[in-house]
Amino acid sequence: MKQERTTLEVIAPTVEEAIARGLSQLGLSQEQVEVEVLDPGSRGFLGIGSRQARVKLSVKAAGEAQASVRSDVSGAGTLEEEYPTEAGMPLGQWDEQKALEVAQRVVGELLEKMKVQARLRVRIQPPQEENAQPAVWVEVQGDDLSILIGRRSETLNALQYISSLIVSREMGVWVPLIIDVQGYRARRERQLRILARRMAEQAVLTGRRQVLEPMPANERRIIHLELRDHPDVVTESIGEEPNRKVTIVPKRHSRRP
């Protein structure tokens, strides 16, 4: 029987950034994968109407399965990447203590420019998956900080991305950075995991695929990871940004012609 290829789907501001991050996650050179541009993205006008690029990397030779993949409806592994890299920014080791200091200063200055009063706590988050890097975690605490989260966490994700770029440029290498506001990401992750299990039960009970609400890539990724080992369902992402969403499909349904 023909073996399914392992694939990696990555979303980033440009095609080049998406390819670079995907190769880093796979630990492979570009010659070892086939690259398919699913969406070249668009910069829009003054940032309005912009759309991120999306690429899929397929490993040419059969390799060891990664813990960080999920099964899509065809059975091949897919992962949506949460942290895009900056174009031209090298990947490599970085000084953790210096990164903590730079991150605290950068995020603090950005919040000051936004006229937001808050307290910051920074720490190193160990790698959560095989072959992943540690990340700098910045916890923002204060009164009435909901303005920093925004609809579908759009404001928070934008702040996180801009901060990542600035920190990485100062460090000279790409530094994964996560910003949380008053424990929002941890609460949201718990909610999404509960939602994933409940909708998986619904899919199995009804025999019908369950389509979730549109979510950003990092939230879709939580759904995929929560259900990647589920015995009775598989997950896939459908649609285009910013309305891309997760579908939970009963396995017996996914095998139908």
C-alpha atoms as a PDB file:
ATOM      1  CA  MET A   1       0.000   0.000   0.000  1.00  0.00           C
ATOM      2  CA  LYS A   2       1.327   3.451  -0.904  1.00  0.00           C
ATOM      3  CA  GLN A   3       2.501   5.405   2.130  1.00  0.00           C
ATOM      4  CA  GLU A   4       1.001   8.834   2.684  1.00  0.00           C
ATOM      5  CA  ARG A   5       3.438  11.700   2.665  1.00  0.00           C
ATOM      6  CA  THR A   6       3.990  13.865   5.701  1.00  0.00           C
ATOM      7  CA  THR A   7       3.025  17.450   4.935  1.00  0.00           C
ATOM      8  CA  LEU A   8       3.335  20.711   6.805  1.00  0.00           C
ATOM      9  CA  GLU A   9       1.034  23.653   6.182  1.00  0.00           C
ATOM     10  CA  VAL A  10       2.390  27.025   7.265  1.00  0.00           C
ATOM     11  CA  ILE A  11       0.812  30.472   7.357  1.00  0.00           C
ATOM     12  CA  ALA A  12       3.071  33.560   7.364  1.00  0.00           C
ATOM     13  CA  PRO A  13       3.115  37.130   6.007  1.00  0.00           C
ATOM     14  CA  THR A  14       5.078  36.063   2.891  1.00  0.00           C
ATOM     15  CA  VAL A  15       5.694  32.862   0.944  1.00  0.00           C
ATOM     16  CA  GLU A  16       9.424  33.036   1.738  1.00  0.00           C
ATOM     17  CA  GLU A  17       8.772  33.299   5.472  1.00  0.00           C
ATOM     18  CA  ALA A  18       6.337  30.391   5.408  1.00  0.00           C
ATOM     19  CA  ILE A  19       8.827  28.162   3.564  1.00  0.00           C
ATOM     20  CA  ALA A  20      11.672  29.088   5.926  1.00  0.00           C
ATOM     21  CA  ARG A  21       9.616  28.319   9.018  1.00  0.00           C
ATOM     22  CA  GLY A  22       8.344  25.053   7.566  1.00  0.00           C
ATOM     23  CA  LEU A  23      11.847  23.842   6.736  1.00  0.00           C
ATOM     24  CA  SER A  24      12.965  24.741  10.257  1.00  0.00           C
ATOM     25  CA  GLN A  25      10.120  22.770  11.825  1.00  0.00           C
ATOM     26  CA  LEU A  26      10.795  19.745   9.636  1.00  0.00           C
ATOM     27  CA  GLY A  27      14.557  19.989  10.059  1.00  0.00           C
ATOM     28  CA  LEU A  28      15.005  19.535   6.309  1.00  0.00           C
ATOM     29  CA  SER A  29      16.523  21.410   3.374  1.00  0.00           C
ATOM     30  CA  GLN A  30      14.389  22.765   0.552  1.00  0.00           C
ATOM     31  CA  GLU A  31      15.704  19.995  -1.719  1.00  0.00           C
ATOM     32  CA  GLN A  32      14.086  17.399   0.551  1.00  0.00           C
ATOM     33  CA  VAL A  33      10.559  18.743   0.218  1.00  0.00           C
ATOM     34  CA  GLU A  34       8.067  19.745  -2.426  1.00  0.00           C
ATOM     35  CA  VAL A  35       6.572  23.214  -1.917  1.00  0.00           C
ATOM     36  CA  GLU A  36       3.017  24.056  -2.941  1.00  0.00           C
ATOM     37  CA  VAL A  37       1.860  27.665  -2.629  1.00  0.00           C
ATOM     38  CA  LEU A  38      -1.754  27.444  -1.500  1.00  0.00           C
ATOM     39  CA  ASP A  39      -2.198  31.205  -1.216  1.00  0.00           C
ATOM     40  CA  PRO A  40       0.466  33.819  -2.120  1.00  0.00           C
ATOM     41  CA  GLY A  41      -1.159  36.312   0.220  1.00  0.00           C
ATOM     42  CA  SER A  42      -1.634  40.024  -0.252  1.00  0.00           C
ATOM     43  CA  ARG A  43      -0.202  43.057   1.518  1.00  0.00           C
ATOM     44  CA  GLY A  44      -3.341  45.144   0.961  1.00  0.00           C
ATOM     45  CA  PHE A  45      -3.235  48.917   1.189  1.00  0.00           C
ATOM     46  CA  LEU A  46      -1.733  50.343   4.385  1.00  0.00           C
ATOM     47  CA  GLY A  47      -2.326  46.968   5.951  1.00  0.00           C
ATOM     48  CA  ILE A  48      -6.052  47.029   5.180  1.00  0.00           C
ATOM     49  CA  GLY A  49      -7.324  43.943   3.409  1.00  0.00           C
ATOM     50  CA  SER A  50      -4.000  42.170   3.792  1.00  0.00           C
ATOM     51  CA  ARG A  51      -3.948  38.378   3.632  1.00  0.00           C
ATOM     52  CA  GLN A  52      -1.193  36.049   4.830  1.00  0.00           C
ATOM     53  CA  ALA A  53       0.518  33.577   2.536  1.00  0.00           C
ATOM     54  CA  ARG A  54      -0.095  29.853   2.988  1.00  0.00           C
ATOM     55  CA  VAL A  55       2.173  27.060   1.732  1.00  0.00           C
ATOM     56  CA  LYS A  56       2.283  23.293   2.052  1.00  0.00           C
ATOM     57  CA  LEU A  57       5.568  21.381   2.327  1.00  0.00           C
ATOM     58  CA  SER A  58       5.510  17.676   1.425  1.00  0.00           C
ATOM     59  CA  VAL A  59       8.415  15.481   2.497  1.00  0.00           C
ATOM     60  CA  LYS A  60       9.790  13.646  -0.532  1.00  0.00           C
ATOM     61  CA  ALA A  61      11.074  10.568   1.299  1.00  0.00           C
ATOM     62  CA  ALA A  62       9.163   8.573   3.880  1.00  0.00           C
ATOM     63  CA  GLY A  63      10.294   9.699   7.334  1.00  0.00           C
ATOM     64  CA  GLU A  64       9.606   9.301  10.983  1.00  0.00           C
ATOM     65  CA  ALA A  65       6.254  10.667  12.037  1.00  0.00           C
ATOM     66  CA  GLN A  66       6.433  13.862  14.059  1.00  0.00           C
ATOM     67  CA  ALA A  67       4.571  14.314  17.314  1.00  0.00           C
ATOM     68  CA  SER A  68       3.471  17.736  16.139  1.00  0.00           C
ATOM     69  CA  VAL A  69       1.316  16.644  13.216  1.00  0.00           C
ATOM     70  CA  ARG A  70      -2.379  16.019  13.031  1.00  0.00           C
ATOM     71  CA  SER A  71      -4.254  13.759  10.609  1.00  0.00           C
ATOM     72  CA  ASP A  72      -6.392  15.423   7.990  1.00  0.00           C
ATOM     73  CA  VAL A  73      -9.227  13.716   6.167  1.00  0.00           C
ATOM     74  CA  SER A  74      -6.864  12.107   3.629  1.00  0.00           C
ATOM     75  CA  GLY A  75      -4.685  10.577   6.330  1.00  0.00           C
ATOM     76  CA  ALA A  76      -1.564  12.675   5.686  1.00  0.00           C
ATOM     77  CA  GLY A  77      -0.040  14.707   8.490  1.00  0.00           C
ATOM     78  CA  THR A  78      -0.670  18.470   8.546  1.00  0.00           C
ATOM     79  CA  LEU A  79       0.287  21.204  10.968  1.00  0.00           C
ATOM     80  CA  GLU A  80      -0.682  24.852  10.961  1.00  0.00           C
ATOM     81  CA  GLU A  81       2.112  27.022  12.286  1.00  0.00           C
ATOM     82  CA  GLU A  82       1.415  29.601  14.951  1.00  0.00           C
ATOM     83  CA  TYR A  83       4.602  31.625  14.862  1.00  0.00           C
ATOM     84  CA  PRO A  84       5.696  33.007  11.463  1.00  0.00           C
ATOM     85  CA  THR A  85       9.348  33.969  10.954  1.00  0.00           C
ATOM     86  CA  GLU A  86      10.538  37.254   9.515  1.00  0.00           C
ATOM     87  CA  ALA A  87      11.882  37.124   5.962  1.00  0.00           C
ATOM     88  CA  GLY A  88      15.660  36.928   5.978  1.00  0.00           C
ATOM     89  CA  MET A  89      15.866  36.400   9.745  1.00  0.00           C
ATOM     90  CA  PRO A  90      18.238  33.508  10.506  1.00  0.00           C
ATOM     91  CA  LEU A  91      17.181  30.653  12.742  1.00  0.00           C
ATOM     92  CA  GLY A  92      19.444  29.446  15.507  1.00  0.00           C
ATOM     93  CA  GLN A  93      20.277  29.457  19.207  1.00  0.00           C
ATOM     94  CA  TRP A  94      19.690  32.592  21.260  1.00  0.00           C
ATOM     95  CA  ASP A  95      20.644  33.853  24.710  1.00  0.00           C
ATOM     96  CA  GLU A  96      17.620  33.260  26.943  1.00  0.00           C
ATOM     97  CA  GLN A  97      18.446  35.886  29.571  1.00  0.00           C
ATOM     98  CA  LYS A  98      19.070  38.559  26.953  1.00  0.00           C
ATOM     99  CA  ALA A  99      15.875  37.600  25.125  1.00  0.00           C
ATOM    100  CA  LEU A 100      13.871  37.996  28.344  1.00  0.00           C
ATOM    101  CA  GLU A 101      15.317  41.460  28.918  1.00  0.00           C
ATOM    102  CA  VAL A 102      14.734  42.574  25.325  1.00  0.00           C
ATOM    103  CA  ALA A 103      11.182  41.203  25.261  1.00  0.00           C
ATOM    104  CA  GLN A 104      10.214  42.964  28.495  1.00  0.00           C
ATOM    105  CA  ARG A 105      11.582  46.267  27.220  1.00  0.00           C
ATOM    106  CA  VAL A 106      10.039  45.997  23.749  1.00  0.00           C
ATOM    107  CA  VAL A 107       6.557  44.985  24.919  1.00  0.00           C
ATOM    108  CA  GLY A 108       6.670  47.609  27.670  1.00  0.00           C
ATOM    109  CA  GLU A 109       7.538  50.358  25.183  1.00  0.00           C
ATOM    110  CA  LEU A 110       4.783  49.277  22.782  1.00  0.00           C
ATOM    111  CA  LEU A 111       2.193  49.297  25.567  1.00  0.00           C
ATOM    112  CA  GLU A 112       3.415  52.717  26.660  1.00  0.00           C
ATOM    113  CA  LYS A 113       2.935  54.052  23.135  1.00  0.00           C
ATOM    114  CA  MET A 114      -0.581  52.575  23.220  1.00  0.00           C
ATOM    115  CA  LYS A 115      -1.116  54.421  26.532  1.00  0.00           C
ATOM    116  CA  VAL A 116      -1.854  51.134  28.294  1.00  0.00           C
ATOM    117  CA  GLN A 117      -0.736  50.797  31.901  1.00  0.00           C
ATOM    118  CA  ALA A 118       0.206  47.228  32.768  1.00  0.00           C
ATOM    119  CA  ARG A 119       2.680  45.023  34.621  1.00  0.00           C
ATOM    120  CA  LEU A 120       4.827  42.513  32.750  1.00  0.00           C
ATOM    121  CA  ARG A 121       6.220  39.139  33.767  1.00  0.00           C
ATOM    122  CA  VAL A 122       8.544  37.314  31.395  1.00  0.00           C
ATOM    123  CA  ARG A 123       9.726  33.708  31.419  1.00  0.00           C
ATOM    124  CA  ILE A 124      11.054  31.016  29.126  1.00  0.00           C
ATOM    125  CA  GLN A 125       8.511  28.423  28.035  1.00  0.00           C
ATOM    126  CA  PRO A 126      10.179  25.053  27.310  1.00  0.00           C
ATOM    127  CA  PRO A 127       9.505  23.429  23.914  1.00  0.00           C
ATOM    128  CA  GLN A 128       5.985  22.012  23.804  1.00  0.00           C
ATOM    129  CA  GLU A 129       6.642  19.626  20.926  1.00  0.00           C
ATOM    130  CA  GLU A 130       9.450  17.590  19.446  1.00  0.00           C
ATOM    131  CA  ASN A 131      11.923  19.620  17.371  1.00  0.00           C
ATOM    132  CA  ALA A 132      10.388  22.907  18.559  1.00  0.00           C
ATOM    133  CA  GLN A 133      12.251  25.819  20.110  1.00  0.00           C
ATOM    134  CA  PRO A 134      11.661  27.310  23.542  1.00  0.00           C
ATOM    135  CA  ALA A 135       9.673  30.546  23.505  1.00  0.00           C
ATOM    136  CA  VAL A 136       9.688  33.791  25.428  1.00  0.00           C
ATOM    137  CA  TRP A 137       6.390  34.123  27.307  1.00  0.00           C
ATOM    138  CA  VAL A 138       5.245  37.629  28.272  1.00  0.00           C
ATOM    139  CA  GLU A 139       2.353  37.843  30.742  1.00  0.00           C
ATOM    140  CA  VAL A 140       0.543  41.205  30.802  1.00  0.00           C
ATOM    141  CA  GLN A 141      -1.324  42.023  34.012  1.00  0.00           C
ATOM    142  CA  GLY A 142      -3.399  45.063  34.918  1.00  0.00           C
ATOM    143  CA  ASP A 143      -6.893  46.513  35.110  1.00  0.00           C
ATOM    144  CA  ASP A 144      -9.368  46.329  32.222  1.00  0.00           C
ATOM    145  CA  LEU A 145      -6.992  45.108  29.512  1.00  0.00           C
ATOM    146  CA  SER A 146      -9.671  43.672  27.238  1.00  0.00           C
ATOM    147  CA  ILE A 147      -8.713  46.303  24.658  1.00  0.00           C
ATOM    148  CA  LEU A 148      -5.472  44.365  24.142  1.00  0.00           C
ATOM    149  CA  ILE A 149      -7.311  41.182  23.169  1.00  0.00           C
ATOM    150  CA  GLY A 150      -9.793  42.376  20.576  1.00  0.00           C
ATOM    151  CA  ARG A 151     -12.260  40.411  18.472  1.00  0.00           C
ATOM    152  CA  ARG A 152     -11.052  36.842  17.909  1.00  0.00           C
ATOM    153  CA  SER A 153      -7.855  37.931  19.727  1.00  0.00           C
ATOM    154  CA  GLU A 154      -6.840  39.925  16.630  1.00  0.00           C
ATOM    155  CA  THR A 155      -5.321  42.801  18.625  1.00  0.00           C
ATOM    156  CA  LEU A 156      -3.368  40.447  20.871  1.00  0.00           C
ATOM    157  CA  ASN A 157      -2.034  38.451  17.922  1.00  0.00           C
ATOM    158  CA  ALA A 158      -0.985  41.642  16.126  1.00  0.00           C
ATOM    159  CA  LEU A 159       0.820  42.915  19.233  1.00  0.00           C
ATOM    160  CA  GLN A 160       2.528  39.544  19.579  1.00  0.00           C
ATOM    161  CA  TYR A 161       3.654  39.481  15.958  1.00  0.00           C
ATOM    162  CA  ILE A 162       5.040  43.027  15.967  1.00  0.00           C
ATOM    163  CA  SER A 163       6.846  42.370  19.249  1.00  0.00           C
ATOM    164  CA  SER A 164       8.320  39.145  17.819  1.00  0.00           C
ATOM    165  CA  LEU A 165       9.736  41.001  14.838  1.00  0.00           C
ATOM    166  CA  ILE A 166      11.342  43.724  16.957  1.00  0.00           C
ATOM    167  CA  VAL A 167      12.789  41.294  19.508  1.00  0.00           C
ATOM    168  CA  SER A 168      14.153  39.007  16.793  1.00  0.00           C
ATOM    169  CA  ARG A 169      15.802  41.876  14.946  1.00  0.00           C
ATOM    170  CA  GLU A 170      17.529  43.013  18.120  1.00  0.00           C
ATOM    171  CA  MET A 171      18.630  39.454  18.926  1.00  0.00           C
ATOM    172  CA  GLY A 172      19.823  38.757  15.382  1.00  0.00           C
ATOM    173  CA  VAL A 173      17.915  35.444  15.188  1.00  0.00           C
ATOM    174  CA  TRP A 174      14.266  34.458  15.199  1.00  0.00           C
ATOM    175  CA  VAL A 175      12.915  34.311  18.764  1.00  0.00           C
ATOM    176  CA  PRO A 176       9.447  32.730  19.218  1.00  0.00           C
ATOM    177  CA  LEU A 177       7.456  35.016  21.506  1.00  0.00           C
ATOM    178  CA  ILE A 178       4.041  34.575  23.121  1.00  0.00           C
ATOM    179  CA  ILE A 179       2.101  37.400  24.733  1.00  0.00           C
ATOM    180  CA  ASP A 180      -0.769  36.619  27.105  1.00  0.00           C
ATOM    181  CA  VAL A 181      -3.120  39.089  28.759  1.00  0.00           C
ATOM    182  CA  GLN A 182      -4.415  38.240  32.242  1.00  0.00           C
ATOM    183  CA  GLY A 183      -4.323  34.511  31.489  1.00  0.00           C
ATOM    184  CA  TYR A 184      -6.521  34.857  28.385  1.00  0.00           C
ATOM    185  CA  ARG A 185      -4.603  32.342  26.261  1.00  0.00           C
ATOM    186  CA  ALA A 186      -4.632  29.673  28.973  1.00  0.00           C
ATOM    187  CA  ARG A 187      -8.404  30.121  29.521  1.00  0.00           C
ATOM    188  CA  ARG A 188      -9.069  30.121  25.808  1.00  0.00           C
ATOM    189  CA  GLU A 189      -7.000  26.966  25.334  1.00  0.00           C
ATOM    190  CA  ARG A 190      -9.020  25.157  28.009  1.00  0.00           C
ATOM    191  CA  GLN A 191     -12.260  26.284  26.357  1.00  0.00           C
ATOM    192  CA  LEU A 192     -11.081  25.111  22.943  1.00  0.00           C
ATOM    193  CA  ARG A 193     -10.002  21.698  24.228  1.00  0.00           C
ATOM    194  CA  ILE A 194     -13.388  21.197  25.880  1.00  0.00           C
ATOM    195  CA  LEU A 195     -15.100  22.365  22.681  1.00  0.00           C
ATOM    196  CA  ALA A 196     -13.005  19.987  20.578  1.00  0.00           C
ATOM    197  CA  ARG A 197     -13.932  16.956  22.691  1.00  0.00           C
ATOM    198  CA  ARG A 198     -17.610  17.905  22.816  1.00  0.00           C
ATOM    199  CA  MET A 199     -17.858  18.435  19.059  1.00  0.00           C
ATOM    200  CA  ALA A 200     -15.970  15.181  18.435  1.00  0.00           C
ATOM    201  CA  GLU A 201     -18.591  13.354  20.510  1.00  0.00           C
ATOM    202  CA  GLN A 202     -21.290  15.081  18.486  1.00  0.00           C
ATOM    203  CA  ALA A 203     -19.640  14.036  15.223  1.00  0.00           C
ATOM    204  CA  VAL A 204     -19.453  10.395  16.337  1.00  0.00           C
ATOM    205  CA  LEU A 205     -23.018  10.427  17.686  1.00  0.00           C
ATOM    206  CA  THR A 206     -24.584  11.933  14.563  1.00  0.00           C
ATOM    207  CA  GLY A 207     -22.187  10.506  11.983  1.00  0.00           C
ATOM    208  CA  ARG A 208     -21.903  13.997  10.494  1.00  0.00           C
ATOM    209  CA  ARG A 209     -18.997  16.389  10.214  1.00  0.00           C
ATOM    210  CA  GLN A 210     -19.026  19.295  12.649  1.00  0.00           C
ATOM    211  CA  VAL A 211     -17.847  22.701  11.393  1.00  0.00           C
ATOM    212  CA  LEU A 212     -16.515  25.080  14.040  1.00  0.00           C
ATOM    213  CA  GLU A 213     -16.537  28.873  13.967  1.00  0.00           C
ATOM    214  CA  PRO A 214     -13.683  30.690  12.156  1.00  0.00           C
ATOM    215  CA  MET A 215     -10.534  30.852  14.281  1.00  0.00           C
ATOM    216  CA  PRO A 216      -6.993  32.187  13.920  1.00  0.00           C
ATOM    217  CA  ALA A 217      -4.286  29.645  13.089  1.00  0.00           C
ATOM    218  CA  ASN A 218      -3.034  29.261  16.670  1.00  0.00           C
ATOM    219  CA  GLU A 219      -6.534  28.373  17.911  1.00  0.00           C
ATOM    220  CA  ARG A 220      -7.208  25.945  15.061  1.00  0.00           C
ATOM    221  CA  ARG A 221      -3.935  24.284  15.944  1.00  0.00           C
ATOM    222  CA  ILE A 222      -5.171  23.614  19.495  1.00  0.00           C
ATOM    223  CA  ILE A 223      -8.232  21.814  18.097  1.00  0.00           C
ATOM    224  CA  HIS A 224      -6.074  19.702  15.767  1.00  0.00           C
ATOM    225  CA  LEU A 225      -3.666  18.733  18.541  1.00  0.00           C
ATOM    226  CA  GLU A 226      -6.431  17.911  21.013  1.00  0.00           C
ATOM    227  CA  LEU A 227      -8.027  15.459  18.566  1.00  0.00           C
ATOM    228  CA  ARG A 228      -4.964  14.127  16.733  1.00  0.00           C
ATOM    229  CA  ASP A 229      -5.077  10.817  18.644  1.00  0.00           C
ATOM    230  CA  HIS A 230      -8.873  10.509  18.760  1.00  0.00           C
ATOM    231  CA  PRO A 231      -9.869   7.000  17.641  1.00  0.00           C
ATOM    232  CA  ASP A 232     -13.066   8.000  15.852  1.00  0.00           C
ATOM    233  CA  VAL A 233     -12.552  11.401  14.206  1.00  0.00           C
ATOM    234  CA  VAL A 234     -10.060  13.331  12.075  1.00  0.00           C
ATOM    235  CA  THR A 235      -9.776  17.099  11.640  1.00  0.00           C
ATOM    236  CA  GLU A 236      -9.114  19.402   8.718  1.00  0.00           C
ATOM    237  CA  SER A 237      -9.078  23.146   8.141  1.00  0.00           C
ATOM    238  CA  ILE A 238     -11.226  24.615   5.376  1.00  0.00           C
ATOM    239  CA  GLY A 239     -11.815  28.053   3.890  1.00  0.00           C
ATOM    240  CA  GLU A 240      -9.590  31.085   3.491  1.00  0.00           C
ATOM    241  CA  GLU A 241      -8.210  33.530   6.036  1.00  0.00           C
ATOM    242  CA  PRO A 242      -9.596  35.242   8.028  1.00  0.00           C
ATOM    243  CA  ASN A 243     -12.579  32.872   7.904  1.00  0.00           C
ATOM    244  CA  ARG A 244     -10.673  29.590   7.930  1.00  0.00           C
ATOM    245  CA  LYS A 245     -12.263  27.045  10.265  1.00  0.00           C
ATOM    246  CA  VAL A 246     -11.814  23.515  11.597  1.00  0.00           C
ATOM    247  CA  THR A 247     -14.029  20.636  10.508  1.00  0.00           C
ATOM    248  CA  ILE A 248     -14.297  17.500  12.655  1.00  0.00           C
ATOM    249  CA  VAL A 249     -15.089  14.433  10.541  1.00  0.00           C
ATOM    250  CA  PRO A 250     -16.148  10.955  11.740  1.00  0.00           C
ATOM    251  CA  LYS A 251     -13.601   8.436  10.439  1.00  0.00           C
ATOM    252  CA  ARG A 252     -16.203   6.201   8.857  1.00  0.00           C
ATOM    253  CA  HIS A 253     -17.535   9.258   7.046  1.00  0.00           C
ATOM    254  CA  SER A 254     -14.061  10.260   5.843  1.00  0.00           C
ATOM    255  CA  ARG A 255     -13.541   6.852   4.179  1.00  0.00           C
ATOM    256  CA  ARG A 256     -16.632   7.136   2.037  1.00  0.00           C
ATOM    257  CA  PRO A 257     -15.942   7.558  -1.716  1.00  0.00           C
END
